[in-house]
């Protein structure tokens, strides 16, 4: 019978958490890309903004938690990125001409860093 080490369980939990974050970022990116598609309904932008704002709100909250095991410098950088994304989304909410391209590029970079 194989004994499972506590460290192995933690590593599995961290990998599962990264996978959930990657899937959530994929969904956010998909919604943002659909919203910038020519002819997309206004509701597509509203849905993309709502989902992505909620996602980054949760991510920033988790990053600010003392239980988050990432290095402090990395957490600070990711919190700064999250705040920037939330500001960009709020700007897009009030300015129809503002697109999501920058948010999409940054979100893809963050997502790709999870793998």
Protein backbone atom coordinates (compact mmCIF):
# COMPACT_ATOMS: atom_id res chain seq x y z
CA UNK A 1 0.00 0.00 0.00
CA UNK A 2 1.38 3.37 -1.01
CA UNK A 3 1.54 6.12 1.61
CA UNK A 4 0.65 9.57 0.45
CA UNK A 5 2.84 12.33 1.79
CA UNK A 6 1.24 15.52 3.09
CA UNK A 7 3.44 17.55 0.75
CA UNK A 8 2.11 15.58 -2.21
CA UNK A 9 -1.46 16.41 -1.17
CA UNK A 10 -0.62 20.10 -0.94
CA UNK A 11 1.01 20.02 -4.35
CA UNK A 12 -2.07 18.33 -5.83
CA UNK A 13 -4.31 20.97 -4.22
CA UNK A 14 -2.17 23.76 -5.66
CA UNK A 15 -2.24 22.18 -9.11
CA UNK A 16 -6.02 21.80 -8.92
CA UNK A 17 -6.38 25.43 -7.82
CA UNK A 18 -4.19 26.61 -10.73
CA UNK A 19 -6.29 24.53 -13.13
CA UNK A 20 -9.52 26.10 -11.80
CA UNK A 21 -7.99 29.56 -12.17
CA UNK A 22 -6.88 28.73 -15.72
CA UNK A 23 -10.38 27.54 -16.65
CA UNK A 24 -11.94 30.68 -15.14
CA UNK A 25 -9.50 32.90 -17.04
CA UNK A 26 -10.28 30.98 -20.25
CA UNK A 27 -13.98 31.71 -19.73
CA UNK A 28 -13.26 35.37 -19.06
CA UNK A 29 -11.11 35.65 -22.20
CA UNK A 30 -13.78 33.92 -24.28
CA UNK A 31 -16.47 36.33 -23.06
CA UNK A 32 -14.22 39.36 -23.68
CA UNK A 33 -13.36 38.15 -27.19
CA UNK A 34 -17.03 37.55 -27.98
CA UNK A 35 -17.87 41.05 -26.74
CA UNK A 36 -15.43 42.67 -29.19
CA UNK A 37 -16.70 40.64 -32.13
CA UNK A 38 -18.29 42.98 -34.70
CA UNK A 39 -22.06 42.91 -34.34
CA UNK A 40 -21.97 41.48 -30.82
CA UNK A 41 -24.95 42.54 -28.71
CA UNK A 42 -24.43 45.08 -25.93
CA UNK A 43 -25.34 42.35 -23.47
CA UNK A 44 -22.13 40.51 -24.46
CA UNK A 45 -20.03 43.39 -23.12
CA UNK A 46 -22.08 43.57 -19.95
CA UNK A 47 -21.68 39.83 -19.38
CA UNK A 48 -17.93 39.94 -20.07
CA UNK A 49 -17.45 42.88 -17.71
CA UNK A 50 -19.54 41.28 -14.95
CA UNK A 51 -17.81 37.89 -15.15
CA UNK A 52 -14.28 39.28 -15.44
CA UNK A 53 -14.84 41.82 -12.65
CA UNK A 54 -16.15 39.13 -10.32
CA UNK A 55 -13.26 36.80 -11.23
CA UNK A 56 -10.59 39.41 -10.59
CA UNK A 57 -12.32 40.55 -7.40
CA UNK A 58 -12.05 36.98 -6.09
CA UNK A 59 -8.45 36.62 -7.29
CA UNK A 60 -7.36 39.90 -5.68
CA UNK A 61 -9.09 38.94 -2.43
CA UNK A 62 -7.31 35.57 -2.43
CA UNK A 63 -3.96 37.15 -3.23
CA UNK A 64 -4.38 39.59 -0.32
CA UNK A 65 -5.10 36.73 2.09
CA UNK A 66 -2.31 35.81 4.52
CA UNK A 67 -3.03 32.15 3.73
CA UNK A 68 -1.98 32.63 0.11
CA UNK A 69 1.42 30.97 -0.17
CA UNK A 70 2.80 32.87 -3.16
CA UNK A 71 5.87 35.04 -2.62
CA UNK A 72 4.94 38.54 -1.42
CA UNK A 73 6.47 40.29 -4.44
CA UNK A 74 4.52 38.11 -6.87
CA UNK A 75 1.30 38.62 -4.93
CA UNK A 76 1.83 42.39 -5.00
CA UNK A 77 2.40 42.34 -8.76
CA UNK A 78 -0.70 40.23 -9.38
CA UNK A 79 -2.81 42.45 -7.11
CA UNK A 80 -1.61 45.48 -9.10
CA UNK A 81 -2.54 43.76 -12.35
CA UNK A 82 -5.93 42.83 -10.92
CA UNK A 83 -6.63 46.40 -9.86
CA UNK A 84 -5.60 47.63 -13.31
CA UNK A 85 -7.94 45.13 -14.97
CA UNK A 86 -10.82 46.19 -12.71
CA UNK A 87 -10.18 49.85 -13.61
CA UNK A 88 -10.03 49.03 -17.32
CA UNK A 89 -13.33 47.17 -17.08
CA UNK A 90 -14.97 50.07 -15.26
CA UNK A 91 -13.66 52.42 -17.94
CA UNK A 92 -15.06 50.14 -20.65
CA UNK A 93 -18.40 50.06 -18.86
CA UNK A 94 -18.72 53.84 -19.18
CA UNK A 95 -17.00 54.29 -22.56
CA UNK A 96 -18.43 52.19 -25.38
CA UNK A 97 -15.47 53.06 -27.63
CA UNK A 98 -13.02 51.49 -25.18
CA UNK A 99 -12.27 47.91 -26.09
CA UNK A 100 -11.07 44.92 -24.14
CA UNK A 101 -7.97 44.17 -26.19
CA UNK A 102 -5.45 45.13 -23.49
CA UNK A 103 -7.35 43.18 -20.84
CA UNK A 104 -7.47 40.15 -23.15
CA UNK A 105 -3.70 40.28 -23.78
CA UNK A 106 -2.87 40.59 -20.07
CA UNK A 107 -5.38 37.89 -19.11
CA UNK A 108 -3.85 35.50 -21.63
CA UNK A 109 -0.37 36.16 -20.23
CA UNK A 110 -1.58 35.47 -16.68
CA UNK A 111 -3.43 32.33 -17.80
CA UNK A 112 -0.39 31.06 -19.70
CA UNK A 113 1.74 31.61 -16.61
CA UNK A 114 -0.45 29.18 -14.66
CA UNK A 115 0.62 26.21 -16.77
